[in-house]
Amino acid sequence: SCRELREKMKNYKNDLKEGIRFVLNPIILNMMLPLVIANFTFSAATVVFPAFADKFGGSTTYGILMTCSVEGMLIGSLMSQFVSKRYAIGKAMVLAYSFSGILWILTALSSSFSIYLSFIFLVLSGIPIGATNVIYSSLFQIIPPENMIARVSSVSGSLITAAMPLGALIGGYIATLIGSGLIIACNGLTIFLLSLYWLFNKKLR
């Protein structure tokens, strides 16, 4: 009935507001900011893969680039348990983002010498991020009270995901001005700078 529907909508809005209030906690926001930015720049980088691949064989190279990106993340996710046992989350994030950022930059730079080197660096760049993404996701299941987990996950997931199409749009446009290789390198630089954000944010670390 209409009454039941209005009641459900009211409950949904209340749940959403509670989730937003929890996410606006400074510590939670500090945790989410690197993920939002990383997803933004990652989307900007991957959307220019076709243009980048056109210089080195077209569709075949593009397919390999996408495969390398996914494989690196998959390998990293399988290593997440090892990483979580060996490093505290703050240290893991600093190391993961710094190494991944450098490897993304090398992915762009090495293409001048060999696209095969780019493939290797791209796989390696995904491993540390894949490992810490799993740890990060588990934190959002642990930190909120049990009755808030679903609400917090919905809000945080929406914010993080929303950055991806925006990154793809802006990245695609900027690539027409400065080139696809520079967009990929800028993604690496941004990820590296995020490692410094973790390093110098004492509360977050």
N, C-alpha and C. Protein backbone atom coordinates (compact mmCIF):
# COMPACT_ATOMS: atom_id res chain seq x y z
N SER A 1 0.84 -1.19 0.00
CA SER A 1 0.00 0.00 0.00
C SER A 1 0.88 1.25 0.00
N CYS A 2 0.24 2.39 -0.30
CA CYS A 2 0.98 3.66 -0.32
C CYS A 2 1.55 3.99 1.06
N ARG A 3 0.79 3.68 2.08
CA ARG A 3 1.25 3.97 3.44
C ARG A 3 2.50 3.18 3.78
N GLU A 4 2.50 1.91 3.42
CA GLU A 4 3.66 1.07 3.69
C GLU A 4 4.87 1.54 2.89
N LEU A 5 4.61 1.95 1.65
CA LEU A 5 5.69 2.44 0.81
C LEU A 5 6.30 3.71 1.40
N ARG A 6 5.43 4.64 1.85
CA ARG A 6 5.94 5.87 2.47
C ARG A 6 6.74 5.56 3.73
N GLU A 7 6.29 4.57 4.50
CA GLU A 7 7.00 4.19 5.72
C GLU A 7 8.37 3.61 5.40
N LYS A 8 8.43 2.80 4.36
CA LYS A 8 9.71 2.23 3.95
C LYS A 8 10.66 3.30 3.46
N MET A 9 10.14 4.27 2.70
CA MET A 9 10.96 5.37 2.21
C MET A 9 11.48 6.22 3.36
N LYS A 10 10.63 6.43 4.35
CA LYS A 10 11.03 7.21 5.52
C LYS A 10 12.15 6.49 6.28
N ASN A 11 11.99 5.19 6.45
CA ASN A 11 13.02 4.40 7.14
C ASN A 11 14.33 4.40 6.37
N TYR A 12 14.19 4.31 5.03
CA TYR A 12 15.39 4.32 4.19
C TYR A 12 16.13 5.65 4.32
N LYS A 13 15.39 6.76 4.30
CA LYS A 13 16.01 8.08 4.44
C LYS A 13 16.69 8.22 5.79
N ASN A 14 16.06 7.73 6.84
CA ASN A 14 16.65 7.80 8.19
C ASN A 14 17.93 6.98 8.25
N ASP A 15 17.88 5.77 7.68
CA ASP A 15 19.07 4.92 7.66
C ASP A 15 20.20 5.58 6.88
N LEU A 16 19.84 6.19 5.75
CA LEU A 16 20.83 6.86 4.92
C LEU A 16 21.47 8.03 5.67
N LYS A 17 20.66 8.81 6.37
CA LYS A 17 21.18 9.94 7.14
C LYS A 17 22.13 9.47 8.22
N GLU A 18 21.79 8.38 8.90
CA GLU A 18 22.66 7.85 9.95
C GLU A 18 23.98 7.39 9.36
N GLY A 19 23.91 6.74 8.20
CA GLY A 19 25.13 6.29 7.53
C GLY A 19 26.01 7.46 7.13
N ILE A 20 25.39 8.52 6.60
CA ILE A 20 26.15 9.71 6.20
C ILE A 20 26.80 10.38 7.41
N ARG A 21 26.05 10.49 8.52
CA ARG A 21 26.61 11.09 9.74
C ARG A 21 27.83 10.32 10.23
N PHE A 22 27.75 8.99 10.17
CA PHE A 22 28.88 8.18 10.62
C PHE A 22 30.09 8.36 9.70
N VAL A 23 29.84 8.39 8.40
CA VAL A 23 30.92 8.53 7.43
C VAL A 23 31.58 9.91 7.54
N LEU A 24 30.82 10.92 7.99
CA LEU A 24 31.38 12.27 8.13
C LEU A 24 32.30 12.41 9.33
N ASN A 25 32.43 11.34 10.12
CA ASN A 25 33.42 11.32 11.19
C ASN A 25 34.80 11.59 10.58
N PRO A 26 35.60 12.51 11.16
CA PRO A 26 36.89 12.88 10.55
C PRO A 26 37.80 11.69 10.25
N ILE A 27 37.85 10.71 11.14
CA ILE A 27 38.73 9.57 10.91
C ILE A 27 38.24 8.76 9.72
N ILE A 28 36.93 8.55 9.62
CA ILE A 28 36.37 7.80 8.50
C ILE A 28 36.61 8.55 7.19
N LEU A 29 36.42 9.88 7.23
CA LEU A 29 36.65 10.67 6.02
C LEU A 29 38.12 10.60 5.60
N ASN A 30 39.02 10.66 6.58
CA ASN A 30 40.45 10.55 6.27
C ASN A 30 40.80 9.20 5.66
N MET A 31 40.08 8.16 6.07
CA MET A 31 40.30 6.84 5.50
C MET A 31 39.76 6.74 4.08
N MET A 32 38.62 7.40 3.85
CA MET A 32 37.96 7.29 2.55
C MET A 32 38.61 8.15 1.47
N LEU A 33 39.16 9.29 1.88
CA LEU A 33 39.70 10.23 0.90
C LEU A 33 40.72 9.60 -0.05
N PRO A 34 41.72 8.84 0.45
CA PRO A 34 42.66 8.21 -0.48
C PRO A 34 41.99 7.26 -1.46
N LEU A 35 40.98 6.51 -0.98
CA LEU A 35 40.28 5.58 -1.87
C LEU A 35 39.52 6.30 -2.97
N VAL A 36 38.86 7.40 -2.59
CA VAL A 36 38.10 8.18 -3.58
C VAL A 36 39.05 8.74 -4.64
N ILE A 37 40.15 9.32 -4.20
CA ILE A 37 41.12 9.91 -5.14
C ILE A 37 41.76 8.84 -6.00
N ALA A 38 42.14 7.71 -5.37
CA ALA A 38 42.78 6.62 -6.11
C ALA A 38 41.84 6.06 -7.18
N ASN A 39 40.57 5.90 -6.84
CA ASN A 39 39.61 5.40 -7.83
C ASN A 39 39.41 6.40 -8.96
N PHE A 40 39.43 7.68 -8.61
CA PHE A 40 39.30 8.74 -9.61
C PHE A 40 40.45 8.67 -10.63
N THR A 41 41.68 8.66 -10.13
CA THR A 41 42.84 8.68 -11.03
C THR A 41 43.02 7.34 -11.75
N PHE A 42 42.67 6.23 -11.07
CA PHE A 42 42.77 4.92 -11.71
C PHE A 42 41.82 4.85 -12.91
N SER A 43 40.62 5.37 -12.74
CA SER A 43 39.65 5.38 -13.85
C SER A 43 40.15 6.27 -14.98
N ALA A 44 40.77 7.39 -14.62
CA ALA A 44 41.33 8.28 -15.64
C ALA A 44 42.42 7.57 -16.44
N ALA A 45 43.23 6.77 -15.74
CA ALA A 45 44.33 6.07 -16.41
C ALA A 45 43.82 4.94 -17.30
N THR A 46 42.89 4.13 -16.79
CA THR A 46 42.42 2.99 -17.58
C THR A 46 41.59 3.41 -18.78
N VAL A 47 40.92 4.56 -18.69
CA VAL A 47 40.10 4.99 -19.83
C VAL A 47 40.97 5.41 -21.01
N VAL A 48 42.24 5.74 -20.76
CA VAL A 48 43.13 6.13 -21.86
C VAL A 48 43.95 4.95 -22.38
N PHE A 49 43.73 3.76 -21.82
CA PHE A 49 44.44 2.58 -22.32
C PHE A 49 44.28 2.37 -23.83
N PRO A 50 43.07 2.54 -24.39
CA PRO A 50 42.95 2.35 -25.85
C PRO A 50 43.87 3.27 -26.65
N ALA A 51 43.92 4.56 -26.26
CA ALA A 51 44.79 5.51 -26.96
C ALA A 51 46.25 5.15 -26.76
N PHE A 52 46.59 4.74 -25.53
CA PHE A 52 47.96 4.34 -25.22
C PHE A 52 48.33 3.11 -26.04
N ALA A 53 47.40 2.15 -26.14
CA ALA A 53 47.66 0.90 -26.86
C ALA A 53 47.80 1.11 -28.36
N ASP A 54 47.16 2.15 -28.91
CA ASP A 54 47.23 2.40 -30.35
C ASP A 54 48.66 2.61 -30.83
N LYS A 55 49.52 3.04 -29.92
CA LYS A 55 50.92 3.27 -30.30
C LYS A 55 51.71 1.97 -30.40
N PHE A 56 51.13 0.88 -29.83
CA PHE A 56 51.91 -0.35 -29.71
C PHE A 56 51.15 -1.59 -30.18
N GLY A 57 50.26 -1.45 -31.13
CA GLY A 57 49.60 -2.64 -31.65
C GLY A 57 48.10 -2.63 -31.57
N GLY A 58 47.52 -1.60 -31.03
CA GLY A 58 46.07 -1.47 -31.04
C GLY A 58 45.33 -2.38 -30.08
N SER A 59 44.31 -3.05 -30.58
CA SER A 59 43.39 -3.80 -29.73
C SER A 59 44.06 -4.92 -28.95
N THR A 60 45.05 -5.58 -29.56
CA THR A 60 45.75 -6.67 -28.85
C THR A 60 46.48 -6.12 -27.62
N THR A 61 47.17 -5.02 -27.81
CA THR A 61 47.90 -4.40 -26.70
C THR A 61 46.93 -3.92 -25.63
N TYR A 62 45.81 -3.37 -26.06
CA TYR A 62 44.80 -2.91 -25.10
C TYR A 62 44.29 -4.08 -24.25
N GLY A 63 44.02 -5.20 -24.90
CA GLY A 63 43.57 -6.38 -24.17
C GLY A 63 44.59 -6.85 -23.15
N ILE A 64 45.86 -6.81 -23.52
CA ILE A 64 46.92 -7.23 -22.61
C ILE A 64 47.04 -6.26 -21.44
N LEU A 65 46.92 -4.96 -21.72
CA LEU A 65 46.98 -3.96 -20.65
C LEU A 65 45.88 -4.18 -19.62
N MET A 66 44.67 -4.41 -20.09
CA MET A 66 43.55 -4.64 -19.18
C MET A 66 43.75 -5.93 -18.38
N THR A 67 44.26 -6.96 -19.05
CA THR A 67 44.52 -8.23 -18.37
C THR A 67 45.58 -8.05 -17.29
N CYS A 68 46.64 -7.33 -17.62
CA CYS A 68 47.72 -7.09 -16.65
C CYS A 68 47.21 -6.34 -15.44
N SER A 69 46.37 -5.35 -15.68
CA SER A 69 45.81 -4.56 -14.58
C SER A 69 44.98 -5.42 -13.64
N VAL A 70 44.12 -6.26 -14.22
CA VAL A 70 43.25 -7.12 -13.42
C VAL A 70 44.05 -8.20 -12.70
N GLU A 71 45.02 -8.79 -13.41
CA GLU A 71 45.82 -9.87 -12.82
C GLU A 71 46.60 -9.39 -11.61
N GLY A 72 47.16 -8.19 -11.71
CA GLY A 72 47.90 -7.64 -10.59
C GLY A 72 47.03 -7.48 -9.35
N MET A 73 45.83 -6.95 -9.55
CA MET A 73 44.90 -6.77 -8.44
C MET A 73 44.48 -8.11 -7.84
N LEU A 74 44.29 -9.10 -8.72
CA LEU A 74 43.88 -10.43 -8.26
C LEU A 74 44.99 -11.08 -7.42
N ILE A 75 46.21 -11.00 -7.91
CA ILE A 75 47.35 -11.56 -7.16
C ILE A 75 47.45 -10.86 -5.80
N GLY A 76 47.29 -9.54 -5.81
CA GLY A 76 47.37 -8.79 -4.56
C GLY A 76 46.30 -9.20 -3.57
N SER A 77 45.07 -9.40 -4.05
CA SER A 77 43.99 -9.79 -3.14
C SER A 77 44.26 -11.15 -2.50
N LEU A 78 44.92 -12.03 -3.24
CA LEU A 78 45.26 -13.34 -2.69
C LEU A 78 46.36 -13.25 -1.63
N MET A 79 47.12 -12.15 -1.68
CA MET A 79 48.21 -11.95 -0.72
C MET A 79 47.79 -11.12 0.48
N SER A 80 46.54 -10.69 0.52
CA SER A 80 46.09 -9.76 1.56
C SER A 80 46.27 -10.32 2.97
N GLN A 81 46.00 -11.59 3.15
CA GLN A 81 46.12 -12.18 4.48
C GLN A 81 47.57 -12.16 4.95
N PHE A 82 48.48 -12.46 4.04
CA PHE A 82 49.91 -12.41 4.37
C PHE A 82 50.32 -10.99 4.77
N VAL A 83 49.85 -10.00 4.01
CA VAL A 83 50.20 -8.60 4.28
C VAL A 83 49.62 -8.14 5.62
N SER A 84 48.36 -8.50 5.90
CA SER A 84 47.71 -8.06 7.13
C SER A 84 48.38 -8.64 8.37
N LYS A 85 48.96 -9.82 8.24
CA LYS A 85 49.64 -10.44 9.38
C LYS A 85 51.04 -9.86 9.58
N ARG A 86 51.62 -9.36 8.51
CA ARG A 86 53.01 -8.88 8.57
C ARG A 86 53.12 -7.39 8.88
N TYR A 87 52.12 -6.61 8.45
CA TYR A 87 52.21 -5.16 8.61
C TYR A 87 50.94 -4.59 9.25
N ALA A 88 51.12 -3.55 10.06
CA ALA A 88 49.98 -2.78 10.54
C ALA A 88 49.36 -2.06 9.35
N ILE A 89 48.06 -1.76 9.43
CA ILE A 89 47.35 -1.19 8.30
C ILE A 89 47.98 0.12 7.82
N GLY A 90 48.40 0.98 8.76
CA GLY A 90 49.00 2.25 8.37
C GLY A 90 50.27 2.05 7.58
N LYS A 91 51.15 1.18 8.06
CA LYS A 91 52.41 0.90 7.36
C LYS A 91 52.15 0.24 6.02
N ALA A 92 51.17 -0.68 5.99
CA ALA A 92 50.84 -1.37 4.74
C ALA A 92 50.37 -0.39 3.68
N MET A 93 49.55 0.59 4.09
CA MET A 93 49.04 1.56 3.12
C MET A 93 50.16 2.45 2.58
N VAL A 94 51.07 2.87 3.46
CA VAL A 94 52.19 3.70 3.02
C VAL A 94 53.05 2.95 2.00
N LEU A 95 53.40 1.71 2.34
CA LEU A 95 54.25 0.92 1.44
C LEU A 95 53.53 0.59 0.14
N ALA A 96 52.25 0.19 0.26
CA ALA A 96 51.50 -0.22 -0.94
C ALA A 96 51.33 0.94 -1.91
N TYR A 97 50.90 2.09 -1.41
CA TYR A 97 50.66 3.22 -2.30
C TYR A 97 51.96 3.77 -2.88
N SER A 98 53.04 3.76 -2.10
CA SER A 98 54.31 4.28 -2.63
C SER A 98 54.84 3.37 -3.74
N PHE A 99 54.85 2.06 -3.50
CA PHE A 99 55.34 1.13 -4.52
C PHE A 99 54.44 1.14 -5.76
N SER A 100 53.13 1.13 -5.54
CA SER A 100 52.21 1.13 -6.68
C SER A 100 52.36 2.40 -7.51
N GLY A 101 52.50 3.54 -6.83
CA GLY A 101 52.67 4.79 -7.55
C GLY A 101 53.91 4.80 -8.42
N ILE A 102 55.01 4.35 -7.86
CA ILE A 102 56.27 4.30 -8.62
C ILE A 102 56.14 3.36 -9.82
N LEU A 103 55.49 2.21 -9.60
CA LEU A 103 55.34 1.23 -10.67
C LEU A 103 54.42 1.73 -11.79
N TRP A 104 53.40 2.51 -11.45
CA TRP A 104 52.55 3.11 -12.48
C TRP A 104 53.35 4.12 -13.32
N ILE A 105 54.19 4.89 -12.66
CA ILE A 105 55.04 5.84 -13.39
C ILE A 105 55.98 5.09 -14.33
N LEU A 106 56.56 4.00 -13.83
CA LEU A 106 57.44 3.18 -14.66
C LEU A 106 56.69 2.53 -15.81
N THR A 107 55.41 2.22 -15.61
CA THR A 107 54.60 1.67 -16.69
C THR A 107 54.55 2.63 -17.87
N ALA A 108 54.37 3.90 -17.56
CA ALA A 108 54.32 4.92 -18.62
C ALA A 108 55.69 5.16 -19.23
N LEU A 109 56.71 5.31 -18.38
CA LEU A 109 58.04 5.65 -18.88
C LEU A 109 58.68 4.52 -19.68
N SER A 110 58.48 3.28 -19.23
CA SER A 110 59.15 2.14 -19.87
C SER A 110 58.62 1.85 -21.26
N SER A 111 57.44 2.39 -21.58
CA SER A 111 56.88 2.14 -22.91
C SER A 111 57.78 2.72 -24.01
N SER A 112 58.61 3.70 -23.65
CA SER A 112 59.54 4.28 -24.62
C SER A 112 60.61 3.27 -25.03
N PHE A 113 60.87 2.29 -24.15
CA PHE A 113 61.89 1.28 -24.42
C PHE A 113 61.27 -0.04 -24.88
N SER A 114 60.23 -0.48 -24.17
CA SER A 114 59.60 -1.75 -24.50
C SER A 114 58.21 -1.81 -23.88
N ILE A 115 57.21 -2.12 -24.67
CA ILE A 115 55.85 -2.24 -24.14
C ILE A 115 55.75 -3.45 -23.22
N TYR A 116 56.65 -4.41 -23.42
CA TYR A 116 56.63 -5.60 -22.55
C TYR A 116 57.04 -5.24 -21.12
N LEU A 117 57.94 -4.28 -21.00
CA LEU A 117 58.29 -3.79 -19.66
C LEU A 117 57.07 -3.12 -19.02
N SER A 118 56.32 -2.40 -19.83
CA SER A 118 55.10 -1.76 -19.33
C SER A 118 54.13 -2.80 -18.80
N PHE A 119 54.00 -3.91 -19.51
CA PHE A 119 53.11 -4.98 -19.06
C PHE A 119 53.53 -5.49 -17.68
N ILE A 120 54.83 -5.69 -17.52
CA ILE A 120 55.36 -6.23 -16.25
C ILE A 120 55.11 -5.24 -15.12
N PHE A 121 55.44 -3.98 -15.36
CA PHE A 121 55.26 -2.97 -14.32
C PHE A 121 53.78 -2.79 -13.97
N LEU A 122 52.91 -2.92 -14.96
CA LEU A 122 51.48 -2.76 -14.71
C LEU A 122 50.95 -3.89 -13.82
N VAL A 123 51.39 -5.11 -14.08
CA VAL A 123 51.00 -6.23 -13.21
C VAL A 123 51.48 -5.97 -11.79
N LEU A 124 52.75 -5.58 -11.66
CA LEU A 124 53.33 -5.35 -10.33
C LEU A 124 52.64 -4.20 -9.60
N SER A 125 52.20 -3.19 -10.35
CA SER A 125 51.55 -2.02 -9.71
C SER A 125 50.24 -2.39 -9.06
N GLY A 126 49.56 -3.41 -9.57
CA GLY A 126 48.27 -3.79 -9.03
C GLY A 126 48.36 -4.65 -7.78
N ILE A 127 49.50 -5.31 -7.58
CA ILE A 127 49.62 -6.24 -6.46
C ILE A 127 49.47 -5.56 -5.09
N PRO A 128 50.25 -4.50 -4.80
CA PRO A 128 50.09 -3.88 -3.48
C PRO A 128 48.72 -3.26 -3.24
N ILE A 129 48.13 -2.68 -4.28
CA ILE A 129 46.81 -2.09 -4.13
C ILE A 129 45.75 -3.17 -3.93
N GLY A 130 45.88 -4.26 -4.67
CA GLY A 130 44.93 -5.36 -4.51
C GLY A 130 44.96 -5.94 -3.11
N ALA A 131 46.16 -6.03 -2.53
CA ALA A 131 46.30 -6.57 -1.17
C ALA A 131 45.67 -5.64 -0.14
N THR A 132 45.93 -4.35 -0.25
CA THR A 132 45.43 -3.41 0.76
C THR A 132 43.95 -3.09 0.58
N ASN A 133 43.43 -3.24 -0.64
CA ASN A 133 42.00 -3.01 -0.85
C ASN A 133 41.16 -3.98 -0.04
N VAL A 134 41.60 -5.23 0.03
CA VAL A 134 40.88 -6.23 0.81
C VAL A 134 40.92 -5.87 2.29
N ILE A 135 42.09 -5.43 2.76
CA ILE A 135 42.24 -5.03 4.17
C ILE A 135 41.36 -3.82 4.46
N TYR A 136 41.37 -2.87 3.53
CA TYR A 136 40.58 -1.66 3.66
C TYR A 136 39.09 -2.00 3.78
N SER A 137 38.64 -2.90 2.91
CA SER A 137 37.23 -3.29 2.92
C SER A 137 36.84 -3.92 4.25
N SER A 138 37.74 -4.71 4.80
CA SER A 138 37.45 -5.37 6.08
C SER A 138 37.35 -4.36 7.21
N LEU A 139 38.11 -3.26 7.10
CA LEU A 139 38.05 -2.23 8.14
C LEU A 139 36.65 -1.61 8.22
N PHE A 140 36.03 -1.42 7.05
CA PHE A 140 34.70 -0.84 7.03
C PHE A 140 33.64 -1.82 7.53
N GLN A 141 34.04 -3.07 7.71
CA GLN A 141 33.15 -4.05 8.33
C GLN A 141 33.38 -4.14 9.84
N ILE A 142 34.52 -3.65 10.29
CA ILE A 142 34.91 -3.78 11.71
C ILE A 142 34.63 -2.50 12.49
N ILE A 143 34.95 -1.35 11.90
CA ILE A 143 34.87 -0.08 12.62
C ILE A 143 33.45 0.32 13.01
N PRO A 144 32.48 0.25 12.08
CA PRO A 144 31.12 0.68 12.47
C PRO A 144 30.48 -0.30 13.45
N PRO A 145 29.56 0.17 14.29
CA PRO A 145 28.77 -0.75 15.12
C PRO A 145 28.02 -1.72 14.21
N GLU A 146 27.70 -2.89 14.74
CA GLU A 146 27.09 -3.94 13.93
C GLU A 146 25.82 -3.48 13.21
N ASN A 147 25.02 -2.66 13.90
CA ASN A 147 23.76 -2.21 13.30
C ASN A 147 23.96 -1.12 12.24
N MET A 148 25.21 -0.65 12.09
CA MET A 148 25.50 0.42 11.14
C MET A 148 26.29 -0.06 9.92
N ILE A 149 26.71 -1.32 9.93
CA ILE A 149 27.61 -1.81 8.88
C ILE A 149 27.02 -1.62 7.49
N ALA A 150 25.77 -2.06 7.31
CA ALA A 150 25.15 -1.98 5.98
C ALA A 150 25.01 -0.53 5.52
N ARG A 151 24.60 0.36 6.45
CA ARG A 151 24.40 1.76 6.09
C ARG A 151 25.72 2.43 5.73
N VAL A 152 26.75 2.18 6.54
CA VAL A 152 28.06 2.78 6.28
C VAL A 152 28.65 2.24 4.98
N SER A 153 28.51 0.95 4.75
CA SER A 153 29.03 0.34 3.52
C SER A 153 28.35 0.93 2.29
N SER A 154 27.04 1.16 2.38
CA SER A 154 26.30 1.72 1.25
C SER A 154 26.77 3.14 0.93
N VAL A 155 26.92 3.95 1.98
CA VAL A 155 27.32 5.34 1.76
C VAL A 155 28.76 5.41 1.26
N SER A 156 29.67 4.71 1.94
CA SER A 156 31.07 4.76 1.54
C SER A 156 31.27 4.17 0.15
N GLY A 157 30.58 3.07 -0.13
CA GLY A 157 30.69 2.46 -1.46
C GLY A 157 30.19 3.38 -2.55
N SER A 158 29.11 4.10 -2.28
CA SER A 158 28.55 5.03 -3.26
C SER A 158 29.52 6.17 -3.54
N LEU A 159 30.12 6.72 -2.49
CA LEU A 159 31.06 7.83 -2.66
C LEU A 159 32.29 7.40 -3.44
N ILE A 160 32.81 6.23 -3.10
CA ILE A 160 34.02 5.73 -3.76
C ILE A 160 33.74 5.41 -5.22
N THR A 161 32.60 4.77 -5.48
CA THR A 161 32.24 4.39 -6.85
C THR A 161 31.93 5.61 -7.71
N ALA A 162 31.35 6.63 -7.10
CA ALA A 162 30.98 7.83 -7.85
C ALA A 162 32.18 8.53 -8.46
N ALA A 163 33.36 8.33 -7.86
CA ALA A 163 34.56 8.97 -8.36
C ALA A 163 35.02 8.38 -9.69
N MET A 164 34.61 7.14 -9.98
CA MET A 164 35.13 6.44 -11.15
C MET A 164 34.64 7.01 -12.48
N PRO A 165 33.33 7.19 -12.69
CA PRO A 165 32.91 7.77 -13.97
C PRO A 165 33.40 9.20 -14.15
N LEU A 166 33.49 9.95 -13.05
CA LEU A 166 34.00 11.31 -13.14
C LEU A 166 35.46 11.30 -13.56
N GLY A 167 36.24 10.38 -12.98
CA GLY A 167 37.65 10.25 -13.35
C GLY A 167 37.82 9.87 -14.81
N ALA A 168 36.98 8.94 -15.27
CA ALA A 168 37.04 8.51 -16.67
C ALA A 168 36.73 9.67 -17.62
N LEU A 169 35.72 10.47 -17.26
CA LEU A 169 35.33 11.60 -18.10
C LEU A 169 36.44 12.64 -18.19
N ILE A 170 36.95 13.03 -17.02
CA ILE A 170 37.99 14.07 -16.99
C ILE A 170 39.30 13.55 -17.57
N GLY A 171 39.64 12.29 -17.24
CA GLY A 171 40.87 11.72 -17.76
C GLY A 171 40.86 11.63 -19.27
N GLY A 172 39.72 11.24 -19.84
CA GLY A 172 39.62 11.15 -21.29
C GLY A 172 39.79 12.50 -21.96
N TYR A 173 39.23 13.53 -21.34
CA TYR A 173 39.35 14.88 -21.91
C TYR A 173 40.79 15.39 -21.82
N ILE A 174 41.39 15.26 -20.63
CA ILE A 174 42.76 15.78 -20.44
C ILE A 174 43.75 15.04 -21.33
N ALA A 175 43.49 13.76 -21.59
CA ALA A 175 44.39 12.97 -22.44
C ALA A 175 44.48 13.56 -23.84
N THR A 176 43.40 14.19 -24.31
CA THR A 176 43.43 14.82 -25.63
C THR A 176 44.34 16.04 -25.66
N LEU A 177 44.64 16.57 -24.47
CA LEU A 177 45.48 17.76 -24.37
C LEU A 177 46.94 17.42 -24.11
N ILE A 178 47.19 16.42 -23.25
CA ILE A 178 48.57 16.14 -22.83
C ILE A 178 49.06 14.75 -23.22
N GLY A 179 48.18 13.89 -23.71
CA GLY A 179 48.59 12.56 -24.12
C GLY A 179 48.28 11.49 -23.09
N SER A 180 48.06 10.27 -23.56
CA SER A 180 47.68 9.17 -22.68
C SER A 180 48.78 8.74 -21.73
N GLY A 181 50.03 8.78 -22.20
CA GLY A 181 51.15 8.37 -21.35
C GLY A 181 51.29 9.23 -20.12
N LEU A 182 51.08 10.53 -20.28
CA LEU A 182 51.18 11.44 -19.14
C LEU A 182 50.04 11.22 -18.14
N ILE A 183 48.87 10.85 -18.63
CA ILE A 183 47.75 10.55 -17.73
C ILE A 183 48.10 9.34 -16.87
N ILE A 184 48.67 8.32 -17.47
CA ILE A 184 49.06 7.12 -16.73
C ILE A 184 50.14 7.46 -15.70
N ALA A 185 51.10 8.28 -16.10
CA ALA A 185 52.15 8.70 -15.16
C ALA A 185 51.57 9.54 -14.03
N CYS A 186 50.62 10.41 -14.34
CA CYS A 186 49.99 11.25 -13.32
C CYS A 186 49.22 10.41 -12.31
N ASN A 187 48.63 9.33 -12.78
CA ASN A 187 47.97 8.40 -11.86
C ASN A 187 48.98 7.85 -10.86
N GLY A 188 50.14 7.46 -11.37
CA GLY A 188 51.20 6.96 -10.48
C GLY A 188 51.67 8.01 -9.49
N LEU A 189 51.85 9.23 -9.96
CA LEU A 189 52.28 10.31 -9.08
C LEU A 189 51.25 10.57 -7.99
N THR A 190 49.98 10.56 -8.35
CA THR A 190 48.91 10.79 -7.38
C THR A 190 48.89 9.70 -6.32
N ILE A 191 49.01 8.45 -6.75
CA ILE A 191 49.01 7.34 -5.79
C ILE A 191 50.21 7.45 -4.86
N PHE A 192 51.36 7.84 -5.40
CA PHE A 192 52.54 8.02 -4.55
C PHE A 192 52.31 9.13 -3.53
N LEU A 193 51.70 10.23 -3.94
CA LEU A 193 51.41 11.32 -3.02
C LEU A 193 50.43 10.90 -1.93
N LEU A 194 49.53 9.98 -2.27
CA LEU A 194 48.60 9.45 -1.27
C LEU A 194 49.34 8.65 -0.21
N SER A 195 50.44 8.02 -0.58
CA SER A 195 51.24 7.31 0.43
C SER A 195 51.83 8.29 1.43
N LEU A 196 52.19 9.48 0.94
CA LEU A 196 52.70 10.52 1.85
C LEU A 196 51.59 11.05 2.74
N TYR A 197 50.39 11.11 2.21
CA TYR A 197 49.22 11.52 3.01
C TYR A 197 49.04 10.56 4.19
N TRP A 198 49.15 9.26 3.93
CA TRP A 198 49.08 8.26 5.00
C TRP A 198 50.26 8.41 5.96
N LEU A 199 51.44 8.66 5.40
CA LEU A 199 52.65 8.72 6.22
C LEU A 199 52.62 9.89 7.20
N PHE A 200 52.16 11.05 6.75
CA PHE A 200 52.22 12.24 7.59
C PHE A 200 50.94 12.54 8.35
N ASN A 201 49.90 11.76 8.10
CA ASN A 201 48.67 11.89 8.88
C ASN A 201 48.77 10.95 10.08
N LYS A 202 49.21 11.47 11.21
CA LYS A 202 49.53 10.64 12.36
C LYS A 202 48.32 9.84 12.86
N LYS A 203 47.17 10.49 12.96
CA LYS A 203 45.98 9.80 13.45
C LYS A 203 45.58 8.66 12.52
N LEU A 204 45.63 8.94 11.23
CA LEU A 204 45.25 7.92 10.26
C LEU A 204 46.25 6.77 10.27
N ARG A 205 47.53 7.09 10.32
CA ARG A 205 48.57 6.04 10.30
C ARG A 205 48.47 5.15 11.54
